[in-house]
Amino acid sequence: MRITIIAVGKVKEKFYREAFAEYEKRLGKYCRMEVIEVEDEKTPDRAGEALEDQIKEKEALRILKYIKEDAHVVALEIQGKKMDSIAFAAKMEKLATYGTSHIQFIIGGSLGLHPKVSQRADEKISFSDMTFPHQLMRILLAEQIYRGYRIIWGEPYHK
């Protein structure tokens, strides 16, 4: 299985990069994973709704360039479907069973995703009703993918 994370912005903090690198290393046993970072737009304080929409649209165009036709696209959105780790693992396993060899996960910038990206996604998932920094979401996603593979392979994992 090939997993691609398409994320807006770069991870600047060393501790986030190190945490993600650890999960990336662990996942090497189960899948091929790559990260594509697209440039984020600067958002001025107190930006109006129209400007925020323009910013999200610029980021969306960058994201959409990397979406592959044969990939199953999953947008991470607060309004998406919530599932526990076992259901997430079952979803990954079902996709692989039915011939999906590439999953692309999309993480938006600080303003979220533009509707153009949401509409292109095959599904939307949410990790919580809470808002997380998009840099931290990479780590949370990588951890859940890793946990999912551990569940699929019947290996121990922390509940």
N, C-alpha and C. Protein backbone atom coordinates (compact mmCIF):
# COMPACT_ATOMS: atom_id res chain seq x y z
N MET A 1 0.84 -1.18 0.00
CA MET A 1 0.00 0.00 0.00
C MET A 1 0.89 1.24 0.00
N ARG A 2 0.46 2.20 -0.74
CA ARG A 2 1.16 3.49 -0.78
C ARG A 2 0.28 4.52 -0.09
N ILE A 3 0.86 5.26 0.84
CA ILE A 3 0.16 6.30 1.58
C ILE A 3 0.86 7.62 1.28
N THR A 4 0.07 8.62 0.88
CA THR A 4 0.60 9.96 0.67
C THR A 4 -0.15 10.92 1.56
N ILE A 5 0.59 11.74 2.27
CA ILE A 5 -0.01 12.82 3.04
C ILE A 5 0.30 14.10 2.29
N ILE A 6 -0.75 14.78 1.85
CA ILE A 6 -0.59 16.08 1.21
C ILE A 6 -0.99 17.11 2.26
N ALA A 7 -0.03 17.94 2.65
CA ALA A 7 -0.26 18.87 3.76
C ALA A 7 0.13 20.28 3.37
N VAL A 8 -0.64 21.22 3.85
CA VAL A 8 -0.34 22.63 3.63
C VAL A 8 0.68 23.07 4.66
N GLY A 9 1.75 23.69 4.20
CA GLY A 9 2.76 24.26 5.09
C GLY A 9 3.85 23.28 5.46
N LYS A 10 4.91 23.84 5.98
CA LYS A 10 6.05 23.05 6.44
C LYS A 10 5.98 22.90 7.96
N VAL A 11 6.57 21.82 8.45
CA VAL A 11 6.67 21.63 9.88
C VAL A 11 7.97 22.27 10.33
N LYS A 12 7.86 23.32 11.11
CA LYS A 12 9.03 24.08 11.51
C LYS A 12 9.67 23.57 12.81
N GLU A 13 8.84 23.10 13.72
CA GLU A 13 9.34 22.70 15.03
C GLU A 13 10.05 21.35 14.97
N LYS A 14 11.24 21.30 15.53
CA LYS A 14 12.06 20.09 15.49
C LYS A 14 11.36 18.91 16.16
N PHE A 15 10.69 19.15 17.28
CA PHE A 15 10.06 18.05 18.00
C PHE A 15 8.92 17.43 17.19
N TYR A 16 8.20 18.22 16.39
CA TYR A 16 7.18 17.66 15.50
C TYR A 16 7.84 16.83 14.40
N ARG A 17 8.91 17.34 13.82
CA ARG A 17 9.60 16.61 12.75
C ARG A 17 10.13 15.28 13.27
N GLU A 18 10.70 15.29 14.47
CA GLU A 18 11.25 14.06 15.05
C GLU A 18 10.16 13.04 15.34
N ALA A 19 9.04 13.50 15.88
CA ALA A 19 7.94 12.59 16.18
C ALA A 19 7.40 11.97 14.89
N PHE A 20 7.22 12.79 13.87
CA PHE A 20 6.72 12.27 12.60
C PHE A 20 7.72 11.28 11.99
N ALA A 21 8.99 11.61 12.06
CA ALA A 21 10.03 10.73 11.50
C ALA A 21 10.01 9.36 12.17
N GLU A 22 9.72 9.33 13.45
CA GLU A 22 9.64 8.05 14.16
C GLU A 22 8.51 7.18 13.60
N TYR A 23 7.34 7.76 13.40
CA TYR A 23 6.23 6.99 12.83
C TYR A 23 6.50 6.61 11.38
N GLU A 24 7.13 7.50 10.65
CA GLU A 24 7.49 7.20 9.26
C GLU A 24 8.40 5.98 9.20
N LYS A 25 9.36 5.91 10.13
CA LYS A 25 10.28 4.78 10.20
C LYS A 25 9.51 3.49 10.54
N ARG A 26 8.63 3.56 11.52
CA ARG A 26 7.86 2.39 11.93
C ARG A 26 6.95 1.90 10.80
N LEU A 27 6.40 2.82 10.05
CA LEU A 27 5.48 2.47 8.97
C LEU A 27 6.18 1.80 7.79
N GLY A 28 7.50 1.95 7.70
CA GLY A 28 8.25 1.33 6.61
C GLY A 28 8.03 -0.17 6.51
N LYS A 29 7.70 -0.80 7.60
CA LYS A 29 7.42 -2.24 7.64
C LYS A 29 6.10 -2.59 6.93
N TYR A 30 5.19 -1.63 6.88
CA TYR A 30 3.83 -1.90 6.41
C TYR A 30 3.46 -1.28 5.06
N CYS A 31 4.05 -0.14 4.75
CA CYS A 31 3.61 0.59 3.55
C CYS A 31 4.72 1.54 3.09
N ARG A 32 4.50 2.10 1.91
CA ARG A 32 5.38 3.18 1.45
C ARG A 32 4.65 4.49 1.74
N MET A 33 5.29 5.36 2.46
CA MET A 33 4.64 6.62 2.82
C MET A 33 5.49 7.78 2.32
N GLU A 34 4.79 8.79 1.79
CA GLU A 34 5.46 10.02 1.39
C GLU A 34 4.64 11.19 1.86
N VAL A 35 5.31 12.32 2.03
CA VAL A 35 4.65 13.55 2.41
C VAL A 35 4.92 14.58 1.32
N ILE A 36 3.86 15.23 0.90
CA ILE A 36 3.98 16.33 -0.04
C ILE A 36 3.52 17.59 0.68
N GLU A 37 4.42 18.53 0.78
CA GLU A 37 4.08 19.80 1.43
C GLU A 37 3.81 20.84 0.36
N VAL A 38 2.66 21.50 0.46
CA VAL A 38 2.36 22.59 -0.45
C VAL A 38 2.47 23.90 0.34
N GLU A 39 2.86 24.94 -0.36
CA GLU A 39 3.07 26.23 0.29
C GLU A 39 1.78 26.75 0.90
N ASP A 40 1.90 27.28 2.12
CA ASP A 40 0.75 27.91 2.75
C ASP A 40 0.76 29.41 2.46
N GLU A 41 -0.40 30.00 2.50
CA GLU A 41 -0.55 31.44 2.30
C GLU A 41 -0.53 32.13 3.65
N LYS A 42 0.08 33.27 3.68
CA LYS A 42 0.06 34.08 4.90
C LYS A 42 -1.35 34.63 5.10
N THR A 43 -1.84 34.51 6.31
CA THR A 43 -3.17 35.01 6.63
C THR A 43 -3.04 36.18 7.59
N PRO A 44 -3.42 37.38 7.14
CA PRO A 44 -3.35 38.53 8.04
C PRO A 44 -4.35 38.41 9.19
N ASP A 45 -4.00 39.01 10.32
CA ASP A 45 -4.93 39.05 11.45
C ASP A 45 -6.22 39.74 11.00
N ARG A 46 -7.31 39.24 11.50
CA ARG A 46 -8.64 39.81 11.21
C ARG A 46 -8.97 39.81 9.71
N ALA A 47 -8.51 38.81 9.01
CA ALA A 47 -8.84 38.69 7.58
C ALA A 47 -10.34 38.43 7.47
N GLY A 48 -10.95 39.06 6.52
CA GLY A 48 -12.37 38.87 6.31
C GLY A 48 -12.66 37.53 5.64
N GLU A 49 -13.93 37.19 5.59
CA GLU A 49 -14.35 35.91 5.03
C GLU A 49 -13.94 35.76 3.56
N ALA A 50 -14.07 36.85 2.80
CA ALA A 50 -13.71 36.79 1.37
C ALA A 50 -12.22 36.51 1.19
N LEU A 51 -11.38 37.18 2.00
CA LEU A 51 -9.94 36.97 1.90
C LEU A 51 -9.57 35.56 2.35
N GLU A 52 -10.20 35.08 3.42
CA GLU A 52 -9.93 33.71 3.88
C GLU A 52 -10.30 32.70 2.80
N ASP A 53 -11.41 32.93 2.09
CA ASP A 53 -11.81 32.03 1.01
C ASP A 53 -10.78 32.06 -0.12
N GLN A 54 -10.27 33.24 -0.44
CA GLN A 54 -9.23 33.34 -1.49
C GLN A 54 -7.97 32.58 -1.08
N ILE A 55 -7.60 32.71 0.18
CA ILE A 55 -6.42 32.01 0.68
C ILE A 55 -6.60 30.50 0.58
N LYS A 56 -7.76 30.01 1.05
CA LYS A 56 -8.03 28.57 0.99
C LYS A 56 -8.08 28.08 -0.46
N GLU A 57 -8.58 28.91 -1.36
CA GLU A 57 -8.64 28.50 -2.76
C GLU A 57 -7.24 28.39 -3.37
N LYS A 58 -6.35 29.31 -3.04
CA LYS A 58 -4.97 29.23 -3.53
C LYS A 58 -4.31 27.95 -3.03
N GLU A 59 -4.51 27.65 -1.75
CA GLU A 59 -3.94 26.42 -1.19
C GLU A 59 -4.57 25.19 -1.84
N ALA A 60 -5.87 25.27 -2.12
CA ALA A 60 -6.58 24.15 -2.75
C ALA A 60 -6.00 23.84 -4.13
N LEU A 61 -5.71 24.86 -4.91
CA LEU A 61 -5.15 24.64 -6.23
C LEU A 61 -3.81 23.93 -6.15
N ARG A 62 -3.04 24.26 -5.13
CA ARG A 62 -1.75 23.58 -4.93
C ARG A 62 -1.96 22.12 -4.54
N ILE A 63 -2.94 21.87 -3.69
CA ILE A 63 -3.24 20.49 -3.25
C ILE A 63 -3.73 19.66 -4.43
N LEU A 64 -4.68 20.20 -5.17
CA LEU A 64 -5.32 19.45 -6.25
C LEU A 64 -4.34 19.01 -7.33
N LYS A 65 -3.22 19.74 -7.49
CA LYS A 65 -2.21 19.35 -8.47
C LYS A 65 -1.60 17.99 -8.16
N TYR A 66 -1.62 17.60 -6.90
CA TYR A 66 -0.96 16.36 -6.48
C TYR A 66 -1.91 15.18 -6.31
N ILE A 67 -3.20 15.41 -6.42
CA ILE A 67 -4.15 14.32 -6.24
C ILE A 67 -4.13 13.43 -7.49
N LYS A 68 -3.98 12.15 -7.25
CA LYS A 68 -3.90 11.16 -8.33
C LYS A 68 -5.29 10.58 -8.59
N GLU A 69 -5.58 10.35 -9.85
CA GLU A 69 -6.89 9.80 -10.25
C GLU A 69 -7.16 8.43 -9.64
N ASP A 70 -6.11 7.60 -9.52
CA ASP A 70 -6.31 6.24 -9.05
C ASP A 70 -6.23 6.11 -7.52
N ALA A 71 -6.04 7.22 -6.83
CA ALA A 71 -5.92 7.18 -5.36
C ALA A 71 -7.28 7.36 -4.70
N HIS A 72 -7.40 6.78 -3.52
CA HIS A 72 -8.56 7.03 -2.66
C HIS A 72 -8.20 8.25 -1.81
N VAL A 73 -8.96 9.32 -1.95
CA VAL A 73 -8.61 10.59 -1.32
C VAL A 73 -9.45 10.80 -0.05
N VAL A 74 -8.74 11.05 1.06
CA VAL A 74 -9.38 11.25 2.35
C VAL A 74 -9.01 12.64 2.86
N ALA A 75 -10.01 13.50 3.01
CA ALA A 75 -9.78 14.84 3.54
C ALA A 75 -10.00 14.81 5.06
N LEU A 76 -9.06 15.39 5.78
CA LEU A 76 -9.23 15.51 7.23
C LEU A 76 -9.95 16.83 7.50
N GLU A 77 -11.16 16.69 7.98
CA GLU A 77 -12.00 17.86 8.21
C GLU A 77 -12.78 17.69 9.49
N ILE A 78 -12.99 18.77 10.19
CA ILE A 78 -13.71 18.71 11.46
C ILE A 78 -15.14 18.21 11.27
N GLN A 79 -15.72 18.44 10.08
CA GLN A 79 -17.09 17.99 9.80
C GLN A 79 -17.14 16.56 9.28
N GLY A 80 -15.99 15.90 9.17
CA GLY A 80 -15.94 14.55 8.62
C GLY A 80 -16.47 13.51 9.58
N LYS A 81 -16.48 12.28 9.10
CA LYS A 81 -16.96 11.14 9.90
C LYS A 81 -15.95 10.81 10.99
N LYS A 82 -16.45 10.58 12.17
CA LYS A 82 -15.58 10.16 13.28
C LYS A 82 -15.61 8.64 13.38
N MET A 83 -14.45 8.08 13.67
CA MET A 83 -14.38 6.64 13.86
C MET A 83 -13.29 6.33 14.88
N ASP A 84 -13.40 5.17 15.49
CA ASP A 84 -12.35 4.76 16.41
C ASP A 84 -11.23 4.09 15.62
N SER A 85 -10.17 3.74 16.31
CA SER A 85 -8.99 3.18 15.65
C SER A 85 -9.28 1.85 14.96
N ILE A 86 -10.15 1.04 15.55
CA ILE A 86 -10.47 -0.25 14.95
C ILE A 86 -11.25 -0.04 13.65
N ALA A 87 -12.18 0.90 13.63
CA ALA A 87 -12.92 1.19 12.40
C ALA A 87 -12.00 1.79 11.34
N PHE A 88 -11.06 2.63 11.76
CA PHE A 88 -10.10 3.21 10.82
C PHE A 88 -9.25 2.11 10.19
N ALA A 89 -8.79 1.17 11.01
CA ALA A 89 -8.00 0.03 10.50
C ALA A 89 -8.84 -0.80 9.53
N ALA A 90 -10.09 -1.04 9.89
CA ALA A 90 -10.97 -1.83 9.03
C ALA A 90 -11.18 -1.12 7.69
N LYS A 91 -11.28 0.19 7.70
CA LYS A 91 -11.44 0.96 6.47
C LYS A 91 -10.20 0.79 5.58
N MET A 92 -9.01 0.93 6.17
CA MET A 92 -7.78 0.76 5.40
C MET A 92 -7.69 -0.66 4.82
N GLU A 93 -8.04 -1.65 5.63
CA GLU A 93 -7.97 -3.04 5.17
C GLU A 93 -8.98 -3.29 4.05
N LYS A 94 -10.18 -2.75 4.18
CA LYS A 94 -11.21 -2.93 3.14
C LYS A 94 -10.76 -2.30 1.82
N LEU A 95 -10.17 -1.10 1.91
CA LEU A 95 -9.68 -0.45 0.69
C LEU A 95 -8.64 -1.32 -0.01
N ALA A 96 -7.71 -1.86 0.78
CA ALA A 96 -6.66 -2.72 0.20
C ALA A 96 -7.26 -3.99 -0.39
N THR A 97 -8.23 -4.57 0.30
CA THR A 97 -8.86 -5.80 -0.16
C THR A 97 -9.56 -5.61 -1.50
N TYR A 98 -10.15 -4.43 -1.68
CA TYR A 98 -10.89 -4.17 -2.92
C TYR A 98 -10.06 -3.47 -3.98
N GLY A 99 -8.74 -3.57 -3.85
CA GLY A 99 -7.86 -3.15 -4.93
C GLY A 99 -7.30 -1.74 -4.87
N THR A 100 -7.55 -1.01 -3.80
CA THR A 100 -6.96 0.32 -3.69
C THR A 100 -5.50 0.15 -3.26
N SER A 101 -4.60 0.70 -4.04
CA SER A 101 -3.19 0.56 -3.69
C SER A 101 -2.58 1.89 -3.26
N HIS A 102 -3.38 2.96 -3.30
CA HIS A 102 -2.86 4.29 -2.97
C HIS A 102 -3.94 5.08 -2.23
N ILE A 103 -3.62 5.52 -1.02
CA ILE A 103 -4.50 6.39 -0.25
C ILE A 103 -3.79 7.72 -0.08
N GLN A 104 -4.49 8.81 -0.38
CA GLN A 104 -3.96 10.15 -0.17
C GLN A 104 -4.78 10.83 0.92
N PHE A 105 -4.10 11.24 1.98
CA PHE A 105 -4.73 11.98 3.07
C PHE A 105 -4.40 13.46 2.88
N ILE A 106 -5.40 14.32 3.04
CA ILE A 106 -5.23 15.76 2.84
C ILE A 106 -5.39 16.48 4.17
N ILE A 107 -4.37 17.26 4.52
CA ILE A 107 -4.42 18.11 5.72
C ILE A 107 -4.33 19.56 5.27
N GLY A 108 -5.34 20.32 5.57
CA GLY A 108 -5.38 21.73 5.17
C GLY A 108 -4.50 22.60 6.04
N GLY A 109 -4.51 23.87 5.72
CA GLY A 109 -3.75 24.86 6.48
C GLY A 109 -4.53 25.35 7.68
N SER A 110 -4.10 26.47 8.22
CA SER A 110 -4.70 26.99 9.45
C SER A 110 -6.16 27.39 9.28
N LEU A 111 -6.59 27.63 8.04
CA LEU A 111 -7.99 28.00 7.80
C LEU A 111 -8.84 26.80 7.40
N GLY A 112 -8.23 25.65 7.23
CA GLY A 112 -8.97 24.47 6.80
C GLY A 112 -8.88 24.29 5.29
N LEU A 113 -9.79 23.49 4.76
CA LEU A 113 -9.77 23.16 3.34
C LEU A 113 -10.85 23.92 2.58
N HIS A 114 -10.54 24.26 1.37
CA HIS A 114 -11.51 24.90 0.47
C HIS A 114 -12.50 23.83 -0.01
N PRO A 115 -13.74 24.20 -0.29
CA PRO A 115 -14.72 23.23 -0.79
C PRO A 115 -14.26 22.47 -2.03
N LYS A 116 -13.40 23.04 -2.85
CA LYS A 116 -12.91 22.32 -4.04
C LYS A 116 -12.18 21.03 -3.64
N VAL A 117 -11.46 21.08 -2.55
CA VAL A 117 -10.75 19.89 -2.08
C VAL A 117 -11.74 18.92 -1.45
N SER A 118 -12.65 19.44 -0.64
CA SER A 118 -13.66 18.59 0.01
C SER A 118 -14.49 17.85 -1.02
N GLN A 119 -14.86 18.54 -2.08
CA GLN A 119 -15.69 17.92 -3.12
C GLN A 119 -14.92 16.84 -3.87
N ARG A 120 -13.62 16.99 -4.00
CA ARG A 120 -12.80 16.00 -4.71
C ARG A 120 -12.54 14.76 -3.86
N ALA A 121 -12.61 14.91 -2.56
CA ALA A 121 -12.30 13.81 -1.66
C ALA A 121 -13.33 12.68 -1.80
N ASP A 122 -12.85 11.46 -1.69
CA ASP A 122 -13.74 10.31 -1.69
C ASP A 122 -14.45 10.16 -0.36
N GLU A 123 -13.81 10.65 0.68
CA GLU A 123 -14.43 10.67 2.00
C GLU A 123 -13.74 11.70 2.88
N LYS A 124 -14.43 12.05 3.94
CA LYS A 124 -13.92 13.03 4.90
C LYS A 124 -13.96 12.38 6.28
N ILE A 125 -12.85 12.51 7.00
CA ILE A 125 -12.83 11.99 8.37
C ILE A 125 -12.41 13.10 9.31
N SER A 126 -12.84 12.94 10.55
CA SER A 126 -12.51 13.90 11.59
C SER A 126 -11.91 13.15 12.76
N PHE A 127 -10.87 13.70 13.33
CA PHE A 127 -10.27 13.10 14.50
C PHE A 127 -10.94 13.57 15.78
N SER A 128 -11.64 14.71 15.69
CA SER A 128 -12.24 15.30 16.89
C SER A 128 -13.03 16.53 16.50
N ASP A 129 -13.90 16.97 17.40
CA ASP A 129 -14.56 18.26 17.21
C ASP A 129 -13.62 19.40 17.58
N MET A 130 -12.52 19.06 18.20
CA MET A 130 -11.53 20.08 18.57
C MET A 130 -10.69 20.46 17.37
N THR A 131 -10.07 21.62 17.45
CA THR A 131 -9.16 22.08 16.41
C THR A 131 -7.74 21.80 16.87
N PHE A 132 -6.93 21.24 15.97
CA PHE A 132 -5.53 20.95 16.26
C PHE A 132 -4.65 21.72 15.29
N PRO A 133 -3.43 22.07 15.70
CA PRO A 133 -2.50 22.67 14.75
C PRO A 133 -2.25 21.69 13.61
N HIS A 134 -2.19 22.21 12.37
CA HIS A 134 -2.04 21.29 11.24
C HIS A 134 -0.71 20.53 11.29
N GLN A 135 0.33 21.08 11.94
CA GLN A 135 1.59 20.34 12.08
C GLN A 135 1.39 19.12 12.98
N LEU A 136 0.62 19.29 14.04
CA LEU A 136 0.35 18.18 14.96
C LEU A 136 -0.52 17.12 14.29
N MET A 137 -1.40 17.52 13.40
CA MET A 137 -2.27 16.56 12.72
C MET A 137 -1.46 15.54 11.92
N ARG A 138 -0.33 15.94 11.38
CA ARG A 138 0.50 14.97 10.65
C ARG A 138 0.92 13.83 11.56
N ILE A 139 1.30 14.19 12.78
CA ILE A 139 1.74 13.18 13.74
C ILE A 139 0.57 12.30 14.16
N LEU A 140 -0.56 12.93 14.46
CA LEU A 140 -1.74 12.16 14.86
C LEU A 140 -2.16 11.20 13.74
N LEU A 141 -2.15 11.68 12.51
CA LEU A 141 -2.51 10.84 11.38
C LEU A 141 -1.51 9.69 11.21
N ALA A 142 -0.23 9.99 11.25
CA ALA A 142 0.79 8.94 11.11
C ALA A 142 0.64 7.89 12.21
N GLU A 143 0.36 8.34 13.42
CA GLU A 143 0.19 7.41 14.53
C GLU A 143 -1.02 6.51 14.29
N GLN A 144 -2.11 7.07 13.81
CA GLN A 144 -3.31 6.27 13.56
C GLN A 144 -3.12 5.30 12.39
N ILE A 145 -2.38 5.71 11.38
CA ILE A 145 -2.08 4.79 10.28
C ILE A 145 -1.23 3.63 10.82
N TYR A 146 -0.23 3.96 11.62
CA TYR A 146 0.61 2.93 12.23
C TYR A 146 -0.23 1.99 13.10
N ARG A 147 -1.05 2.57 13.94
CA ARG A 147 -1.91 1.77 14.82
C ARG A 147 -2.85 0.89 13.97
N GLY A 148 -3.35 1.47 12.88
CA GLY A 148 -4.24 0.72 12.00
C GLY A 148 -3.55 -0.52 11.44
N TYR A 149 -2.32 -0.37 10.99
CA TYR A 149 -1.59 -1.53 10.48
C TYR A 149 -1.32 -2.55 11.57
N ARG A 150 -1.02 -2.10 12.76
CA ARG A 150 -0.81 -3.04 13.88
C ARG A 150 -2.09 -3.85 14.13
N ILE A 151 -3.24 -3.17 14.07
CA ILE A 151 -4.52 -3.86 14.27
C ILE A 151 -4.75 -4.85 13.14
N ILE A 152 -4.56 -4.41 11.90
CA ILE A 152 -4.77 -5.28 10.73
C ILE A 152 -3.93 -6.54 10.83
N TRP A 153 -2.69 -6.40 11.24
CA TRP A 153 -1.78 -7.55 11.31
C TRP A 153 -1.88 -8.32 12.62
N GLY A 154 -2.83 -7.94 13.48
CA GLY A 154 -3.03 -8.66 14.74
C GLY A 154 -1.90 -8.48 15.73
N GLU A 155 -1.19 -7.39 15.61
CA GLU A 155 -0.07 -7.11 16.50
C GLU A 155 -0.57 -6.29 17.69
N PRO A 156 0.11 -6.38 18.82
CA PRO A 156 -0.35 -5.63 20.00
C PRO A 156 -0.31 -4.12 19.77
N TYR A 157 -1.26 -3.44 20.37
CA TYR A 157 -1.28 -1.98 20.33
C TYR A 157 -1.93 -1.52 21.63
N HIS A 158 -1.67 -0.28 22.00
CA HIS A 158 -2.25 0.25 23.23
C HIS A 158 -3.66 0.72 22.96
N LYS A 159 -4.56 0.36 23.84
CA LYS A 159 -5.96 0.74 23.68
C LYS A 159 -6.23 2.08 24.33
